[in-house]
């Protein structure tokens, strides 16, 4: 079972995992990069990492479980995308329509960051028109604070909670 867990972990993480960031690029003020080049510089701070697992010794039952775990990890990945921000999915679909070099670079960096904010740059937006990253992500309705949600929950009867 330990082998199965590590095989699942390696395979599920390998879809989007990147290693520790490299040092930040220094922009050239005399010759600022175009959007695609800027996004490629930002992406270059990540090092692609391939994770492999030898599953040859897994039983057929363990292989079946591993396949189900990989399927579940893809569902969890989609849920996380929605949890980051309520507008993430629609923005991702808009970005995916742009097949220009800039659009492809933007989509790649969006997928790395799971949203329009650069996690290596204090969550600053890198997609034009993206709002500031919501403090409560998508865990609460847009515009609601944690305190408001907790107050509403407290107002419910025990069975409703």
C-alpha atoms as a PDB file:
ATOM      1  CA  UNK A   1       0.000   0.000   0.000  1.00  0.00           C
ATOM      2  CA  UNK A   2       2.944   2.346   0.667  1.00  0.00           C
ATOM      3  CA  UNK A   3       4.158   1.784  -2.895  1.00  0.00           C
ATOM      4  CA  UNK A   4       0.687   2.623  -4.160  1.00  0.00           C
ATOM      5  CA  UNK A   5       0.582   5.860  -2.191  1.00  0.00           C
ATOM      6  CA  UNK A   6       3.951   7.041  -3.482  1.00  0.00           C
ATOM      7  CA  UNK A   7       3.097   6.071  -7.045  1.00  0.00           C
ATOM      8  CA  UNK A   8      -0.163   8.013  -6.800  1.00  0.00           C
ATOM      9  CA  UNK A   9       1.601  10.991  -5.235  1.00  0.00           C
ATOM     10  CA  UNK A  10       4.267  11.096  -7.926  1.00  0.00           C
ATOM     11  CA  UNK A  11       1.796  10.812 -10.773  1.00  0.00           C
ATOM     12  CA  UNK A  12      -0.738  13.291  -9.431  1.00  0.00           C
ATOM     13  CA  UNK A  13       1.850  15.911  -8.583  1.00  0.00           C
ATOM     14  CA  UNK A  14       3.605  15.590 -11.922  1.00  0.00           C
ATOM     15  CA  UNK A  15       0.733  17.210 -13.832  1.00  0.00           C
ATOM     16  CA  UNK A  16       1.523  20.756 -12.707  1.00  0.00           C
ATOM     17  CA  UNK A  17       4.403  20.574 -10.236  1.00  0.00           C
ATOM     18  CA  UNK A  18       7.273  22.944 -10.610  1.00  0.00           C
ATOM     19  CA  UNK A  19      10.419  23.070  -8.509  1.00  0.00           C
ATOM     20  CA  UNK A  20      11.585  25.962  -6.378  1.00  0.00           C
ATOM     21  CA  UNK A  21      11.701  29.310  -8.133  1.00  0.00           C
ATOM     22  CA  UNK A  22      14.888  30.612  -9.635  1.00  0.00           C
ATOM     23  CA  UNK A  23      15.988  34.175  -9.012  1.00  0.00           C
ATOM     24  CA  UNK A  24      13.674  36.835 -10.439  1.00  0.00           C
ATOM     25  CA  UNK A  25      14.610  38.304 -13.825  1.00  0.00           C
ATOM     26  CA  UNK A  26      15.690  41.916 -13.885  1.00  0.00           C
ATOM     27  CA  UNK A  27      13.645  43.877 -16.415  1.00  0.00           C
ATOM     28  CA  UNK A  28      15.582  45.908 -18.950  1.00  0.00           C
ATOM     29  CA  UNK A  29      14.124  49.444 -18.730  1.00  0.00           C
ATOM     30  CA  UNK A  30      15.621  50.540 -22.066  1.00  0.00           C
ATOM     31  CA  UNK A  31      14.057  47.652 -23.981  1.00  0.00           C
ATOM     32  CA  UNK A  32      10.982  46.329 -22.116  1.00  0.00           C
ATOM     33  CA  UNK A  33       9.950  42.839 -23.243  1.00  0.00           C
ATOM     34  CA  UNK A  34       6.696  42.288 -25.107  1.00  0.00           C
ATOM     35  CA  UNK A  35       3.913  40.488 -23.271  1.00  0.00           C
ATOM     36  CA  UNK A  36       4.881  36.982 -24.444  1.00  0.00           C
ATOM     37  CA  UNK A  37       8.536  37.526 -23.553  1.00  0.00           C
ATOM     38  CA  UNK A  38       7.585  39.020 -20.167  1.00  0.00           C
ATOM     39  CA  UNK A  39       5.391  36.017 -19.339  1.00  0.00           C
ATOM     40  CA  UNK A  40       8.069  33.610 -20.557  1.00  0.00           C
ATOM     41  CA  UNK A  41      10.597  35.321 -18.261  1.00  0.00           C
ATOM     42  CA  UNK A  42       8.180  34.943 -15.363  1.00  0.00           C
ATOM     43  CA  UNK A  43       7.608  31.280 -16.248  1.00  0.00           C
ATOM     44  CA  UNK A  44      11.370  30.675 -16.504  1.00  0.00           C
ATOM     45  CA  UNK A  45      11.596  31.198 -12.740  1.00  0.00           C
ATOM     46  CA  UNK A  46      10.059  27.724 -12.402  1.00  0.00           C
ATOM     47  CA  UNK A  47      11.973  24.567 -13.235  1.00  0.00           C
ATOM     48  CA  UNK A  48       9.888  21.799 -14.793  1.00  0.00           C
ATOM     49  CA  UNK A  49      10.218  18.639 -12.753  1.00  0.00           C
ATOM     50  CA  UNK A  50       9.285  15.210 -14.047  1.00  0.00           C
ATOM     51  CA  UNK A  51       8.310  12.711 -11.388  1.00  0.00           C
ATOM     52  CA  UNK A  52       8.270   9.027 -12.222  1.00  0.00           C
ATOM     53  CA  UNK A  53       7.144   5.964 -10.376  1.00  0.00           C
ATOM     54  CA  UNK A  54       7.852   2.336 -11.183  1.00  0.00           C
ATOM     55  CA  UNK A  55       4.468   0.658 -10.970  1.00  0.00           C
ATOM     56  CA  UNK A  56       5.608  -2.667 -12.422  1.00  0.00           C
ATOM     57  CA  UNK A  57       5.429  -4.389  -9.034  1.00  0.00           C
ATOM     58  CA  UNK A  58       1.941  -3.142  -8.194  1.00  0.00           C
ATOM     59  CA  UNK A  59      -0.829  -5.706  -8.152  1.00  0.00           C
ATOM     60  CA  UNK A  60      -3.707  -5.324 -10.618  1.00  0.00           C
ATOM     61  CA  UNK A  61      -5.901  -4.152  -7.735  1.00  0.00           C
ATOM     62  CA  UNK A  62      -3.330  -1.527  -6.706  1.00  0.00           C
ATOM     63  CA  UNK A  63      -3.084  -0.340 -10.332  1.00  0.00           C
ATOM     64  CA  UNK A  64      -6.839   0.026 -10.419  1.00  0.00           C
ATOM     65  CA  UNK A  65      -6.777   2.034  -7.201  1.00  0.00           C
ATOM     66  CA  UNK A  66      -3.944   4.172  -8.571  1.00  0.00           C
ATOM     67  CA  UNK A  67      -5.986   4.967 -11.696  1.00  0.00           C
ATOM     68  CA  UNK A  68      -8.915   6.008  -9.499  1.00  0.00           C
ATOM     69  CA  UNK A  69      -6.649   8.191  -7.345  1.00  0.00           C
ATOM     70  CA  UNK A  70      -5.299   9.932 -10.458  1.00  0.00           C
ATOM     71  CA  UNK A  71      -8.859  10.506 -11.674  1.00  0.00           C
ATOM     72  CA  UNK A  72      -9.812  11.902  -8.243  1.00  0.00           C
ATOM     73  CA  UNK A  73      -6.769  14.205  -8.244  1.00  0.00           C
ATOM     74  CA  UNK A  74      -7.958  15.746 -11.530  1.00  0.00           C
ATOM     75  CA  UNK A  75     -11.351  16.441  -9.961  1.00  0.00           C
ATOM     76  CA  UNK A  76      -9.681  17.967  -6.901  1.00  0.00           C
ATOM     77  CA  UNK A  77      -7.533  20.130  -9.188  1.00  0.00           C
ATOM     78  CA  UNK A  78     -10.685  21.490 -10.859  1.00  0.00           C
ATOM     79  CA  UNK A  79     -12.286  22.152  -7.466  1.00  0.00           C
ATOM     80  CA  UNK A  80      -9.172  24.014  -6.324  1.00  0.00           C
ATOM     81  CA  UNK A  81      -9.292  26.189  -9.434  1.00  0.00           C
ATOM     82  CA  UNK A  82     -12.816  27.251  -8.460  1.00  0.00           C
ATOM     83  CA  UNK A  83     -11.827  27.791  -4.823  1.00  0.00           C
ATOM     84  CA  UNK A  84      -9.086  30.239  -5.732  1.00  0.00           C
ATOM     85  CA  UNK A  85     -11.598  32.736  -7.148  1.00  0.00           C
ATOM     86  CA  UNK A  86     -15.176  32.525  -8.431  1.00  0.00           C
ATOM     87  CA  UNK A  87     -14.144  34.114 -11.757  1.00  0.00           C
ATOM     88  CA  UNK A  88     -11.240  31.736 -12.393  1.00  0.00           C
ATOM     89  CA  UNK A  89     -12.998  29.265 -14.670  1.00  0.00           C
ATOM     90  CA  UNK A  90     -14.563  31.854 -16.962  1.00  0.00           C
ATOM     91  CA  UNK A  91     -11.285  33.791 -17.172  1.00  0.00           C
ATOM     92  CA  UNK A  92      -9.409  30.568 -17.952  1.00  0.00           C
ATOM     93  CA  UNK A  93     -11.824  29.835 -20.807  1.00  0.00           C
ATOM     94  CA  UNK A  94     -11.352  33.367 -22.174  1.00  0.00           C
ATOM     95  CA  UNK A  95      -7.575  33.072 -21.982  1.00  0.00           C
ATOM     96  CA  UNK A  96      -7.626  29.655 -23.679  1.00  0.00           C
ATOM     97  CA  UNK A  97      -9.338  31.151 -26.755  1.00  0.00           C
ATOM     98  CA  UNK A  98      -6.335  33.385 -27.495  1.00  0.00           C
ATOM     99  CA  UNK A  99      -3.986  31.294 -29.651  1.00  0.00           C
ATOM    100  CA  UNK A 100      -1.430  34.078 -30.176  1.00  0.00           C
ATOM    101  CA  UNK A 101       2.052  33.653 -28.659  1.00  0.00           C
ATOM    102  CA  UNK A 102       0.998  36.067 -25.889  1.00  0.00           C
ATOM    103  CA  UNK A 103      -2.208  34.127 -25.285  1.00  0.00           C
ATOM    104  CA  UNK A 104      -0.407  30.786 -25.052  1.00  0.00           C
ATOM    105  CA  UNK A 105       2.189  32.261 -22.661  1.00  0.00           C
ATOM    106  CA  UNK A 106      -0.588  33.792 -20.542  1.00  0.00           C
ATOM    107  CA  UNK A 107      -2.471  30.475 -20.425  1.00  0.00           C
ATOM    108  CA  UNK A 108       0.664  28.587 -19.375  1.00  0.00           C
ATOM    109  CA  UNK A 109       1.445  31.048 -16.580  1.00  0.00           C
ATOM    110  CA  UNK A 110      -2.228  31.044 -15.493  1.00  0.00           C
ATOM    111  CA  UNK A 111      -2.132  27.246 -15.193  1.00  0.00           C
ATOM    112  CA  UNK A 112       1.098  27.375 -13.162  1.00  0.00           C
ATOM    113  CA  UNK A 113      -0.405  29.897 -10.743  1.00  0.00           C
ATOM    114  CA  UNK A 114      -3.945  28.463 -10.752  1.00  0.00           C
ATOM    115  CA  UNK A 115      -5.249  31.937 -11.473  1.00  0.00           C
ATOM    116  CA  UNK A 116      -4.391  35.386 -12.841  1.00  0.00           C
ATOM    117  CA  UNK A 117      -2.064  36.331  -9.976  1.00  0.00           C
ATOM    118  CA  UNK A 118       1.651  35.654  -9.903  1.00  0.00           C
ATOM    119  CA  UNK A 119       2.358  33.752  -6.694  1.00  0.00           C
ATOM    120  CA  UNK A 120       6.057  34.657  -6.942  1.00  0.00           C
ATOM    121  CA  UNK A 121       5.255  38.376  -7.170  1.00  0.00           C
ATOM    122  CA  UNK A 122       3.100  38.914  -4.087  1.00  0.00           C
ATOM    123  CA  UNK A 123      -0.020  37.787  -6.001  1.00  0.00           C
ATOM    124  CA  UNK A 124       0.039  40.716  -8.413  1.00  0.00           C
ATOM    125  CA  UNK A 125      -2.265  40.214 -11.412  1.00  0.00           C
ATOM    126  CA  UNK A 126      -0.564  39.388 -14.713  1.00  0.00           C
ATOM    127  CA  UNK A 127      -3.812  39.266 -16.728  1.00  0.00           C
ATOM    128  CA  UNK A 128      -5.214  42.629 -17.839  1.00  0.00           C
ATOM    129  CA  UNK A 129      -8.522  43.351 -16.111  1.00  0.00           C
ATOM    130  CA  UNK A 130      -8.054  40.761 -13.361  1.00  0.00           C
ATOM    131  CA  UNK A 131      -9.053  42.081  -9.944  1.00  0.00           C
ATOM    132  CA  UNK A 132      -6.828  42.096  -6.909  1.00  0.00           C
ATOM    133  CA  UNK A 133      -6.642  38.583  -5.455  1.00  0.00           C
ATOM    134  CA  UNK A 134      -9.613  38.139  -3.090  1.00  0.00           C
ATOM    135  CA  UNK A 135      -8.520  37.773   0.505  1.00  0.00           C
ATOM    136  CA  UNK A 136     -10.971  34.934   1.169  1.00  0.00           C
ATOM    137  CA  UNK A 137     -10.494  33.319  -2.248  1.00  0.00           C
ATOM    138  CA  UNK A 138     -13.627  31.483  -3.354  1.00  0.00           C
ATOM    139  CA  UNK A 139     -14.438  30.014   0.048  1.00  0.00           C
ATOM    140  CA  UNK A 140     -17.154  32.601   0.717  1.00  0.00           C
ATOM    141  CA  UNK A 141     -19.674  34.261  -1.608  1.00  0.00           C
ATOM    142  CA  UNK A 142     -18.272  37.255  -3.495  1.00  0.00           C
ATOM    143  CA  UNK A 143     -18.328  40.312  -1.266  1.00  0.00           C
ATOM    144  CA  UNK A 144     -18.984  38.341   1.936  1.00  0.00           C
ATOM    145  CA  UNK A 145     -16.507  38.301   4.781  1.00  0.00           C
ATOM    146  CA  UNK A 146     -15.682  35.300   6.917  1.00  0.00           C
ATOM    147  CA  UNK A 147     -17.355  37.004   9.855  1.00  0.00           C
ATOM    148  CA  UNK A 148     -20.588  37.549   7.891  1.00  0.00           C
ATOM    149  CA  UNK A 149     -20.685  33.907   6.842  1.00  0.00           C
ATOM    150  CA  UNK A 150     -20.004  32.717  10.402  1.00  0.00           C
ATOM    151  CA  UNK A 151     -22.763  35.018  11.710  1.00  0.00           C
ATOM    152  CA  UNK A 152     -25.193  33.625   9.127  1.00  0.00           C
ATOM    153  CA  UNK A 153     -24.264  30.033  10.034  1.00  0.00           C
ATOM    154  CA  UNK A 154     -24.763  30.808  13.721  1.00  0.00           C
ATOM    155  CA  UNK A 155     -28.267  32.134  12.945  1.00  0.00           C
ATOM    156  CA  UNK A 156     -29.304  28.738  11.501  1.00  0.00           C
ATOM    157  CA  UNK A 157     -30.972  26.054  13.557  1.00  0.00           C
ATOM    158  CA  UNK A 158     -28.864  23.023  14.448  1.00  0.00           C
ATOM    159  CA  UNK A 159     -30.402  20.763  11.751  1.00  0.00           C
ATOM    160  CA  UNK A 160     -29.849  23.471   9.095  1.00  0.00           C
ATOM    161  CA  UNK A 161     -26.151  23.745   9.973  1.00  0.00           C
END
